[in-house]
Amino acid sequence: MKRVEGFNFSFNSSACASCGGACCIGESGYIWVNYPEIEAIASYLNISIESFAKEYLIRAKNRYSLKEFKVKELGYSCIFFDTENRVCKIYDVRPKQCRTFPFWGVYKSDTKELIKECPGVVLDEDN
C-alpha cells in the first residue's frame, strides 16, 4: 500500500491489473507533459522530438498535452493506452501526471469520484 502525506487514503497498485485502466479512459481532458518527459518518451519510442511532437502532442493553455482518441462508449483515452490489452504503451516513461495518480491535489479533500473510478483507493478508517 502506498501512502502520501496529506491524503486520507492509501493506494493498492495491485488493483490496477483488475480495473482495465479506468484512470486512462473517461472524460476528455489533458495529459500534461513537460520537456524532459517529452524527451524521455521520444527516446523510448526511438523517434525525434519533432516527430513525437507532430504525432502525439497538442498545445493547450500554453502547455503540451498528449493526444487522446475516442473510445466508443467509454469516452476518451490517452493515445498511449492500448485499449485492447488495457496497458500503457509507455508505462516506463509515463508523465508525472500518470505516475502520481491518484495522489493529485484535487483528491485531498474530495474522494467521491476517485473511489468510484479507482478500485485501488482505500479510504482511511476515519472517513
C-alpha atoms as a PDB file:
ATOM      1  CA  MET A   1       0.000   0.000   0.000  1.00  0.00           C
ATOM      2  CA  LYS A   2       1.292   3.411  -0.931  1.00  0.00           C
ATOM      3  CA  ARG A   3       0.601   6.409   1.289  1.00  0.00           C
ATOM      4  CA  VAL A   4       1.309  10.072   0.671  1.00  0.00           C
ATOM      5  CA  GLU A   5       1.189  12.587   3.481  1.00  0.00           C
ATOM      6  CA  GLY A   6      -1.822  14.899   3.334  1.00  0.00           C
ATOM      7  CA  PHE A   7      -4.160  12.376   1.709  1.00  0.00           C
ATOM      8  CA  ASN A   8      -6.857  10.469   3.588  1.00  0.00           C
ATOM      9  CA  PHE A   9      -6.410   7.277   1.604  1.00  0.00           C
ATOM     10  CA  SER A  10      -3.887   4.668   0.594  1.00  0.00           C
ATOM     11  CA  PHE A  11      -3.348   3.181  -2.828  1.00  0.00           C
ATOM     12  CA  ASN A  12      -3.013  -0.515  -3.608  1.00  0.00           C
ATOM     13  CA  SER A  13      -1.344  -0.639  -7.038  1.00  0.00           C
ATOM     14  CA  SER A  14      -2.105  -4.343  -7.431  1.00  0.00           C
ATOM     15  CA  ALA A  15      -5.702  -3.304  -8.174  1.00  0.00           C
ATOM     16  CA  CYS A  16      -4.516  -1.784 -11.466  1.00  0.00           C
ATOM     17  CA  ALA A  17      -4.434  -5.225 -13.064  1.00  0.00           C
ATOM     18  CA  SER A  18      -8.158  -5.694 -12.463  1.00  0.00           C
ATOM     19  CA  CYS A  19      -9.672  -2.314 -13.287  1.00  0.00           C
ATOM     20  CA  GLY A  20      -8.964  -2.125 -17.016  1.00  0.00           C
ATOM     21  CA  GLY A  21      -7.352   1.302 -16.993  1.00  0.00           C
ATOM     22  CA  ALA A  22     -10.209   3.406 -15.683  1.00  0.00           C
ATOM     23  CA  CYS A  23      -7.758   6.245 -14.982  1.00  0.00           C
ATOM     24  CA  CYS A  24      -6.682   6.223 -18.655  1.00  0.00           C
ATOM     25  CA  ILE A  25     -10.192   6.261 -20.158  1.00  0.00           C
ATOM     26  CA  GLY A  26     -13.072   8.615 -19.487  1.00  0.00           C
ATOM     27  CA  GLU A  27     -13.926  12.239 -19.990  1.00  0.00           C
ATOM     28  CA  SER A  28     -11.729  14.231 -22.290  1.00  0.00           C
ATOM     29  CA  GLY A  29      -9.019  16.176 -20.523  1.00  0.00           C
ATOM     30  CA  TYR A  30      -5.360  16.981 -20.610  1.00  0.00           C
ATOM     31  CA  ILE A  31      -2.405  14.679 -20.029  1.00  0.00           C
ATOM     32  CA  TRP A  32       0.250  17.281 -19.355  1.00  0.00           C
ATOM     33  CA  VAL A  33       3.861  16.656 -20.346  1.00  0.00           C
ATOM     34  CA  ASN A  34       6.901  18.837 -19.817  1.00  0.00           C
ATOM     35  CA  TYR A  35      10.007  18.993 -21.977  1.00  0.00           C
ATOM     36  CA  PRO A  36      12.082  16.395 -20.069  1.00  0.00           C
ATOM     37  CA  GLU A  37       9.127  13.999 -20.266  1.00  0.00           C
ATOM     38  CA  ILE A  38       8.761  14.675 -23.985  1.00  0.00           C
ATOM     39  CA  GLU A  39      12.461  13.914 -24.455  1.00  0.00           C
ATOM     40  CA  ALA A  40      12.196  10.697 -22.441  1.00  0.00           C
ATOM     41  CA  ILE A  41       9.115   9.438 -24.277  1.00  0.00           C
ATOM     42  CA  ALA A  42      10.547  10.288 -27.708  1.00  0.00           C
ATOM     43  CA  SER A  43      13.765   8.476 -26.804  1.00  0.00           C
ATOM     44  CA  TYR A  44      11.791   5.482 -25.502  1.00  0.00           C
ATOM     45  CA  LEU A  45       9.907   5.363 -28.824  1.00  0.00           C
ATOM     46  CA  ASN A  46      13.174   5.870 -30.708  1.00  0.00           C
ATOM     47  CA  ILE A  47      11.885   8.876 -32.644  1.00  0.00           C
ATOM     48  CA  SER A  48      12.931  12.510 -32.848  1.00  0.00           C
ATOM     49  CA  ILE A  49      11.362  15.083 -30.577  1.00  0.00           C
ATOM     50  CA  GLU A  50       9.982  16.830 -33.666  1.00  0.00           C
ATOM     51  CA  SER A  51       8.301  13.637 -34.895  1.00  0.00           C
ATOM     52  CA  PHE A  52       6.981  12.920 -31.428  1.00  0.00           C
ATOM     53  CA  ALA A  53       5.512  16.418 -31.121  1.00  0.00           C
ATOM     54  CA  LYS A  54       3.837  16.225 -34.511  1.00  0.00           C
ATOM     55  CA  GLU A  55       2.358  12.772 -33.919  1.00  0.00           C
ATOM     56  CA  TYR A  56       1.471  12.739 -30.217  1.00  0.00           C
ATOM     57  CA  LEU A  57       1.148  16.259 -28.783  1.00  0.00           C
ATOM     58  CA  ILE A  58      -1.354  19.083 -28.766  1.00  0.00           C
ATOM     59  CA  ARG A  59      -0.712  22.569 -27.464  1.00  0.00           C
ATOM     60  CA  ALA A  60      -3.247  23.747 -24.912  1.00  0.00           C
ATOM     61  CA  LYS A  61      -3.204  26.577 -22.392  1.00  0.00           C
ATOM     62  CA  ASN A  62       0.445  27.376 -23.217  1.00  0.00           C
ATOM     63  CA  ARG A  63       1.452  23.800 -22.359  1.00  0.00           C
ATOM     64  CA  TYR A  64       1.680  20.445 -24.088  1.00  0.00           C
ATOM     65  CA  SER A  65      -0.662  17.519 -23.626  1.00  0.00           C
ATOM     66  CA  LEU A  66      -0.646  14.026 -25.048  1.00  0.00           C
ATOM     67  CA  LYS A  67      -3.352  13.482 -27.637  1.00  0.00           C
ATOM     68  CA  GLU A  68      -6.454  11.451 -26.899  1.00  0.00           C
ATOM     69  CA  PHE A  69      -8.701   9.333 -29.070  1.00  0.00           C
ATOM     70  CA  LYS A  70     -12.375   8.432 -28.867  1.00  0.00           C
ATOM     71  CA  VAL A  71     -13.168   5.006 -27.416  1.00  0.00           C
ATOM     72  CA  LYS A  72     -16.705   4.049 -28.418  1.00  0.00           C
ATOM     73  CA  GLU A  73     -18.973   4.125 -25.341  1.00  0.00           C
ATOM     74  CA  LEU A  74     -16.152   4.661 -22.858  1.00  0.00           C
ATOM     75  CA  GLY A  75     -15.205   8.242 -23.691  1.00  0.00           C
ATOM     76  CA  TYR A  76     -11.624   9.202 -24.484  1.00  0.00           C
ATOM     77  CA  SER A  77      -8.289   7.524 -23.972  1.00  0.00           C
ATOM     78  CA  CYS A  78      -4.694   8.631 -23.838  1.00  0.00           C
ATOM     79  CA  ILE A  79      -3.069   7.957 -27.203  1.00  0.00           C
ATOM     80  CA  PHE A  80      -0.609   5.603 -25.480  1.00  0.00           C
ATOM     81  CA  PHE A  81      -3.217   3.466 -23.755  1.00  0.00           C
ATOM     82  CA  ASP A  82      -3.721   0.136 -25.503  1.00  0.00           C
ATOM     83  CA  THR A  83      -7.475  -0.297 -25.072  1.00  0.00           C
ATOM     84  CA  GLU A  84      -7.423  -3.898 -26.273  1.00  0.00           C
ATOM     85  CA  ASN A  85      -4.791  -5.154 -23.827  1.00  0.00           C
ATOM     86  CA  ARG A  86      -5.516  -2.471 -21.206  1.00  0.00           C
ATOM     87  CA  VAL A  87      -1.901  -1.406 -20.749  1.00  0.00           C
ATOM     88  CA  CYS A  88       0.108   1.773 -21.112  1.00  0.00           C
ATOM     89  CA  LYS A  89       2.499   1.555 -24.058  1.00  0.00           C
ATOM     90  CA  ILE A  90       4.924   3.995 -22.412  1.00  0.00           C
ATOM     91  CA  TYR A  91       4.494   2.879 -18.805  1.00  0.00           C
ATOM     92  CA  ASP A  92       8.221   3.033 -18.003  1.00  0.00           C
ATOM     93  CA  VAL A  93       8.417   6.701 -19.057  1.00  0.00           C
ATOM     94  CA  ARG A  94       4.836   7.857 -18.452  1.00  0.00           C
ATOM     95  CA  PRO A  95       4.377  11.513 -17.455  1.00  0.00           C
ATOM     96  CA  LYS A  96       4.392  12.670 -13.831  1.00  0.00           C
ATOM     97  CA  GLN A  97       0.644  13.221 -14.018  1.00  0.00           C
ATOM     98  CA  CYS A  98       0.210   9.488 -14.620  1.00  0.00           C
ATOM     99  CA  ARG A  99       2.909   8.381 -12.177  1.00  0.00           C
ATOM    100  CA  THR A 100       1.377  10.351  -9.304  1.00  0.00           C
ATOM    101  CA  PHE A 101      -2.229   9.229  -9.790  1.00  0.00           C
ATOM    102  CA  PRO A 102      -4.300   9.004  -7.565  1.00  0.00           C
ATOM    103  CA  PHE A 103      -2.354  11.397  -5.347  1.00  0.00           C
ATOM    104  CA  TRP A 104      -3.488  14.616  -7.035  1.00  0.00           C
ATOM    105  CA  GLY A 105      -4.260  17.770  -5.085  1.00  0.00           C
ATOM    106  CA  VAL A 106      -7.892  17.699  -6.174  1.00  0.00           C
ATOM    107  CA  TYR A 107      -8.362  14.443  -4.255  1.00  0.00           C
ATOM    108  CA  LYS A 108      -7.034  15.740  -0.928  1.00  0.00           C
ATOM    109  CA  SER A 109     -10.471  16.940   0.108  1.00  0.00           C
ATOM    110  CA  ASP A 110     -12.865  15.169  -2.261  1.00  0.00           C
ATOM    111  CA  THR A 111     -12.522  11.457  -2.957  1.00  0.00           C
ATOM    112  CA  LYS A 112     -16.106  10.699  -4.060  1.00  0.00           C
ATOM    113  CA  GLU A 113     -15.350  10.435  -7.794  1.00  0.00           C
ATOM    114  CA  LEU A 114     -11.956   8.875  -7.180  1.00  0.00           C
ATOM    115  CA  ILE A 115     -13.290   5.908  -5.208  1.00  0.00           C
ATOM    116  CA  LYS A 116     -15.850   5.250  -7.963  1.00  0.00           C
ATOM    117  CA  GLU A 117     -13.102   5.210 -10.593  1.00  0.00           C
ATOM    118  CA  CYS A 118     -10.184   3.539  -8.838  1.00  0.00           C
ATOM    119  CA  PRO A 119     -10.513   0.194  -7.034  1.00  0.00           C
ATOM    120  CA  GLY A 120      -7.018   0.629  -5.610  1.00  0.00           C
ATOM    121  CA  VAL A 121      -8.029   3.546  -3.406  1.00  0.00           C
ATOM    122  CA  VAL A 122      -8.573   2.536   0.207  1.00  0.00           C
ATOM    123  CA  LEU A 123     -10.006   5.263   2.412  1.00  0.00           C
ATOM    124  CA  ASP A 124      -8.622   5.682   5.898  1.00  0.00           C
ATOM    125  CA  GLU A 125     -10.862   4.175   8.544  1.00  0.00           C
ATOM    126  CA  ASP A 126     -11.877   7.563   9.963  1.00  0.00           C
ATOM    127  CA  ASN A 127     -13.516   8.590   6.643  1.00  0.00           C
END
